[in-house]
C-alpha atoms as a PDB file:
ATOM      1  CA  ASP A   1       1.041  11.724 -11.167  1.00  0.00           C
ATOM      2  CA  ALA A   2      -0.492  11.618  -8.026  1.00  0.00           C
ATOM      3  CA  ASN A   3      -3.911  11.432  -9.597  1.00  0.00           C
ATOM      4  CA  GLN A   4      -2.919   7.764 -11.131  1.00  0.00           C
ATOM      5  CA  TYR A   5      -1.647   6.395  -7.933  1.00  0.00           C
ATOM      6  CA  LEU A   6      -5.431   7.430  -6.486  1.00  0.00           C
ATOM      7  CA  GLY A   7      -7.917   4.329  -5.971  1.00  0.00           C
ATOM      8  CA  THR A   8      -7.787   0.887  -4.513  1.00  0.00           C
ATOM      9  CA  TRP A   9      -4.464  -1.290  -4.224  1.00  0.00           C
ATOM     10  CA  TYR A  10      -3.911  -4.949  -3.163  1.00  0.00           C
ATOM     11  CA  GLU A  11      -1.440  -5.781  -0.679  1.00  0.00           C
ATOM     12  CA  ILE A  12       0.468  -8.908  -2.246  1.00  0.00           C
ATOM     13  CA  ALA A  13       3.083  -8.974   0.311  1.00  0.00           C
ATOM     14  CA  ARG A  14       4.790  -6.974   3.437  1.00  0.00           C
ATOM     15  CA  LEU A  15       7.029  -7.250   6.411  1.00  0.00           C
ATOM     16  CA  ASP A  16       5.144  -8.327   9.616  1.00  0.00           C
ATOM     17  CA  HIS A  17       4.153  -5.620  12.015  1.00  0.00           C
ATOM     18  CA  SER A  18       1.798  -5.438  14.949  1.00  0.00           C
ATOM     19  CA  PHE A  19      -0.987  -3.341  13.185  1.00  0.00           C
ATOM     20  CA  GLU A  20      -1.530  -5.736  10.431  1.00  0.00           C
ATOM     21  CA  ARG A  21      -0.766  -9.053  12.317  1.00  0.00           C
ATOM     22  CA  ASP A  22      -2.741 -11.881  11.068  1.00  0.00           C
ATOM     23  CA  LEU A  23      -4.724  -9.772   8.273  1.00  0.00           C
ATOM     24  CA  GLN A  24      -5.415 -11.432   5.024  1.00  0.00           C
ATOM     25  CA  ASN A  25      -7.325  -9.658   2.010  1.00  0.00           C
ATOM     26  CA  VAL A  26      -5.451  -6.280   2.733  1.00  0.00           C
ATOM     27  CA  THR A  27      -6.582  -3.648   0.419  1.00  0.00           C
ATOM     28  CA  ALA A  28      -5.104   0.245   0.673  1.00  0.00           C
ATOM     29  CA  GLN A  29      -7.371   2.894  -0.849  1.00  0.00           C
ATOM     30  CA  TYR A  30      -6.322   6.282  -1.492  1.00  0.00           C
ATOM     31  CA  ILE A  31      -8.706   9.342  -1.921  1.00  0.00           C
ATOM     32  CA  LYS A  32      -8.165  13.033  -2.460  1.00  0.00           C
ATOM     33  CA  ASN A  33      -9.311  15.393  -0.221  1.00  0.00           C
ATOM     34  CA  GLU A  34     -10.004  18.673  -0.999  1.00  0.00           C
ATOM     35  CA  ASP A  35      -7.657  20.401   0.526  1.00  0.00           C
ATOM     36  CA  GLY A  36      -4.847  18.433  -1.620  1.00  0.00           C
ATOM     37  CA  THR A  37      -3.977  15.723   1.061  1.00  0.00           C
ATOM     38  CA  ILE A  38      -4.968  11.946   0.650  1.00  0.00           C
ATOM     39  CA  LYS A  39      -7.259   9.998   2.598  1.00  0.00           C
ATOM     40  CA  VAL A  40      -5.989   6.681   3.140  1.00  0.00           C
ATOM     41  CA  ILE A  41      -8.197   3.750   4.248  1.00  0.00           C
ATOM     42  CA  ASN A  42      -6.358   0.516   4.980  1.00  0.00           C
ATOM     43  CA  ARG A  43      -8.451  -2.626   5.598  1.00  0.00           C
ATOM     44  CA  GLY A  44      -7.837  -6.179   6.086  1.00  0.00           C
ATOM     45  CA  PHE A  45      -9.704  -9.490   7.177  1.00  0.00           C
ATOM     46  CA  ASN A  46      -8.692 -11.355  10.310  1.00  0.00           C
ATOM     47  CA  PRO A  47      -9.698 -14.943   9.877  1.00  0.00           C
ATOM     48  CA  LYS A  48      -8.998 -15.881  13.627  1.00  0.00           C
ATOM     49  CA  LYS A  49     -11.197 -12.961  15.015  1.00  0.00           C
ATOM     50  CA  ASN A  50     -13.690 -13.086  12.085  1.00  0.00           C
ATOM     51  CA  GLU A  51     -13.806  -9.630  11.439  1.00  0.00           C
ATOM     52  CA  TRP A  52     -12.512  -6.847   9.424  1.00  0.00           C
ATOM     53  CA  LYS A  53      -9.978  -4.137  10.809  1.00  0.00           C
ATOM     54  CA  GLU A  54      -9.958  -0.631   9.214  1.00  0.00           C
ATOM     55  CA  ALA A  55      -7.770   2.140   9.706  1.00  0.00           C
ATOM     56  CA  GLU A  56      -8.349   5.527   8.201  1.00  0.00           C
ATOM     57  CA  GLY A  57      -5.544   8.262   7.709  1.00  0.00           C
ATOM     58  CA  LYS A  58      -4.082  11.414   6.018  1.00  0.00           C
ATOM     59  CA  ALA A  59      -1.288  11.866   3.841  1.00  0.00           C
ATOM     60  CA  HIS A  60       0.397  14.807   2.044  1.00  0.00           C
ATOM     61  CA  PHE A  61       3.567  15.005  -0.087  1.00  0.00           C
ATOM     62  CA  VAL A  62       6.722  16.164   1.403  1.00  0.00           C
ATOM     63  CA  ASP A  63       7.928  17.968  -1.461  1.00  0.00           C
ATOM     64  CA  GLU A  64       6.622  20.794  -3.677  1.00  0.00           C
ATOM     65  CA  PRO A  65       5.725  19.498  -7.131  1.00  0.00           C
ATOM     66  CA  ASN A  66       7.932  19.718 -10.150  1.00  0.00           C
ATOM     67  CA  ALA A  67       7.438  21.812 -12.690  1.00  0.00           C
ATOM     68  CA  ASP A  68       5.201  18.884 -14.819  1.00  0.00           C
ATOM     69  CA  GLY A  69       3.332  18.557 -11.773  1.00  0.00           C
ATOM     70  CA  THR A  70       4.610  15.383 -10.619  1.00  0.00           C
ATOM     71  CA  TYR A  71       5.769  14.605  -7.315  1.00  0.00           C
ATOM     72  CA  THR A  72       8.780  12.502  -6.080  1.00  0.00           C
ATOM     73  CA  GLY A  73       6.953   9.558  -4.157  1.00  0.00           C
ATOM     74  CA  LYS A  74       8.176  10.505  -0.621  1.00  0.00           C
ATOM     75  CA  LEU A  75       4.622  11.718   1.567  1.00  0.00           C
ATOM     76  CA  LYS A  76       3.861  11.416   4.907  1.00  0.00           C
ATOM     77  CA  VAL A  77       1.274   9.623   6.710  1.00  0.00           C
ATOM     78  CA  SER A  78      -0.673   9.783   9.962  1.00  0.00           C
ATOM     79  CA  PHE A  79      -3.049   7.425  11.120  1.00  0.00           C
ATOM     80  CA  PHE A  80      -2.534   8.794  14.708  1.00  0.00           C
ATOM     81  CA  GLY A  81      -3.507  12.278  14.849  1.00  0.00           C
ATOM     82  CA  PRO A  82      -0.302  14.764  14.624  1.00  0.00           C
ATOM     83  CA  PHE A  83       2.301  11.761  14.464  1.00  0.00           C
ATOM     84  CA  TYR A  84       3.452  11.389  10.904  1.00  0.00           C
ATOM     85  CA  GLY A  85       5.447   8.182   9.317  1.00  0.00           C
ATOM     86  CA  GLY A  86       7.449   8.028   6.008  1.00  0.00           C
ATOM     87  CA  TYR A  87       5.725   6.717   3.027  1.00  0.00           C
ATOM     88  CA  ASP A  88       8.368   6.066   0.185  1.00  0.00           C
ATOM     89  CA  ILE A  89       7.212   4.786  -3.123  1.00  0.00           C
ATOM     90  CA  ILE A  90      10.658   3.133  -4.225  1.00  0.00           C
ATOM     91  CA  GLU A  91       9.470   1.242  -6.790  1.00  0.00           C
ATOM     92  CA  LEU A  92       6.454   1.897  -9.508  1.00  0.00           C
ATOM     93  CA  ASP A  93       5.268   0.751 -12.725  1.00  0.00           C
ATOM     94  CA  LYS A  94       4.982   4.405 -14.135  1.00  0.00           C
ATOM     95  CA  PRO A  95       3.412   3.657 -17.825  1.00  0.00           C
ATOM     96  CA  TYR A  96       0.530   1.849 -16.112  1.00  0.00           C
ATOM     97  CA  TYR A  97       0.670   2.180 -12.243  1.00  0.00           C
ATOM     98  CA  ASN A  98      -0.190  -1.595 -11.829  1.00  0.00           C
ATOM     99  CA  TYR A  99       2.307  -2.277  -9.357  1.00  0.00           C
ATOM    100  CA  ALA A 100       3.977  -0.339  -6.133  1.00  0.00           C
ATOM    101  CA  MET A 101       6.746  -0.968  -3.760  1.00  0.00           C
ATOM    102  CA  VAL A 102       6.703   1.080  -0.637  1.00  0.00           C
ATOM    103  CA  SER A 103       8.593   1.631   2.582  1.00  0.00           C
ATOM    104  CA  SER A 104       8.664   3.669   5.602  1.00  0.00           C
ATOM    105  CA  GLY A 105      12.498   2.392   6.953  1.00  0.00           C
ATOM    106  CA  LYS A 106      13.903  -0.832   6.391  1.00  0.00           C
ATOM    107  CA  ASP A 107      11.488  -2.427   8.928  1.00  0.00           C
ATOM    108  CA  TYR A 108       8.523  -1.559   6.678  1.00  0.00           C
ATOM    109  CA  LEU A 109       7.619  -2.744   3.407  1.00  0.00           C
ATOM    110  CA  TRP A 110       4.875  -3.377   1.214  1.00  0.00           C
ATOM    111  CA  ILE A 111       4.209  -4.891  -2.120  1.00  0.00           C
ATOM    112  CA  LEU A 112       1.080  -3.545  -3.947  1.00  0.00           C
ATOM    113  CA  SER A 113      -1.031  -4.474  -7.004  1.00  0.00           C
ATOM    114  CA  ARG A 114      -4.121  -2.923  -8.707  1.00  0.00           C
ATOM    115  CA  THR A 115      -5.246  -6.589  -8.808  1.00  0.00           C
ATOM    116  CA  PRO A 116      -5.283  -9.125  -5.925  1.00  0.00           C
ATOM    117  CA  GLN A 117      -2.863 -11.279  -7.693  1.00  0.00           C
ATOM    118  CA  LEU A 118       0.578  -9.883  -9.232  1.00  0.00           C
ATOM    119  CA  GLY A 119       2.336 -11.822 -11.802  1.00  0.00           C
ATOM    120  CA  TYR A 120       5.517 -13.889 -10.860  1.00  0.00           C
ATOM    121  CA  PRO A 121       7.951 -12.066 -12.994  1.00  0.00           C
ATOM    122  CA  ILE A 122       6.787  -8.904 -11.444  1.00  0.00           C
ATOM    123  CA  LYS A 123       6.841 -10.020  -7.888  1.00  0.00           C
ATOM    124  CA  GLN A 124      10.155 -11.610  -8.300  1.00  0.00           C
ATOM    125  CA  HIS A 125      11.951  -8.573  -9.569  1.00  0.00           C
ATOM    126  CA  LEU A 126      10.333  -6.349  -6.625  1.00  0.00           C
ATOM    127  CA  ILE A 127      11.634  -8.932  -4.081  1.00  0.00           C
ATOM    128  CA  ALA A 128      15.098  -8.758  -5.864  1.00  0.00           C
ATOM    129  CA  ARG A 129      14.750  -4.690  -5.725  1.00  0.00           C
ATOM    130  CA  ALA A 130      14.035  -4.833  -1.883  1.00  0.00           C
ATOM    131  CA  LYS A 131      16.995  -7.366  -1.120  1.00  0.00           C
ATOM    132  CA  GLU A 132      19.440  -5.058  -3.343  1.00  0.00           C
ATOM    133  CA  LEU A 133      17.852  -2.603  -1.178  1.00  0.00           C
ATOM    134  CA  GLY A 134      18.589  -4.204   2.080  1.00  0.00           C
ATOM    135  CA  PHE A 135      15.347  -5.283   2.942  1.00  0.00           C
ATOM    136  CA  ALA A 136      14.438  -8.754   4.995  1.00  0.00           C
ATOM    137  CA  THR A 137      12.849 -10.302   2.142  1.00  0.00           C
ATOM    138  CA  ASP A 138      13.044 -13.767   3.664  1.00  0.00           C
ATOM    139  CA  ASP A 139      11.092 -12.677   6.129  1.00  0.00           C
ATOM    140  CA  LEU A 140       7.921 -11.207   3.877  1.00  0.00           C
ATOM    141  CA  ILE A 141       4.725 -12.473   4.431  1.00  0.00           C
ATOM    142  CA  TYR A 142       2.553 -13.050   1.402  1.00  0.00           C
ATOM    143  CA  VAL A 143      -0.815 -12.029   1.680  1.00  0.00           C
ATOM    144  CA  PRO A 144      -3.680 -14.370   0.901  1.00  0.00           C
ATOM    145  CA  GLN A 145      -6.250 -12.305  -1.492  1.00  0.00           C
ATOM    146  CA  THR A 146      -9.408 -13.723  -1.859  1.00  0.00           C
ATOM    147  CA  THR A 147     -11.818 -11.244  -4.063  1.00  0.00           C
ATOM    148  CA  GLU A 148     -14.932 -13.066  -2.914  1.00  0.00           C
ATOM    149  CA  ILE A 149     -14.815 -12.368   0.901  1.00  0.00           C
ATOM    150  CA  ILE A 150     -13.550  -8.532   0.285  1.00  0.00           C
ATOM    151  CA  HIS A 151     -16.752  -7.933  -2.179  1.00  0.00           C
ATOM    152  CA  TYR A 152     -19.343  -9.315   0.192  1.00  0.00           C
ATOM    153  CA  LYS A 153     -17.739  -8.577   3.971  1.00  0.00           C
ATOM    154  CA  ALA A 154     -16.428  -4.669   2.910  1.00  0.00           C
ATOM    155  CA  GLY A 155     -18.677  -3.541  -0.286  1.00  0.00           C
ATOM    156  CA  PRO A 156     -17.859  -3.534  -3.775  1.00  0.00           C
ATOM    157  CA  HIS A 157     -14.496  -1.670  -3.888  1.00  0.00           C
ATOM    158  CA  ILE A 158     -12.899  -3.605  -6.508  1.00  0.00           C
ATOM    159  CA  GLU A 159     -12.318  -1.899  -9.506  1.00  0.00           C
END
């Protein structure tokens, strides 16, 4: 259900890449646009530069909705105009939408949570699943989350 996926997600862990290098307190916010696409706002704090970095993009589902109105979890996301990349939800807490694991090929992986911290058993389950799928889990970066700094610097978007 796309509507349940909307809102704020906290980045718990990721594989390193240039556009999030050195960022902490990383969140992703998903907002439904009137045309059915999804606005994506990624933000994080770089303590080395003492500044917030934010990127806004747009996502849309690759497939048509199923008969029950749900989607497969495969999206295309663009932060750079007409250039879209894959966004595959490969693991999702379907009953409550409290955690998700997302990839875009084997070089990109994110573990997301609705809260700034994710319980150890769930985190270990997601890491084991990522390893089964061939991701370099030894290279995961665990993202520090400090809710006070997020609230103060980025505005009250904590749910």
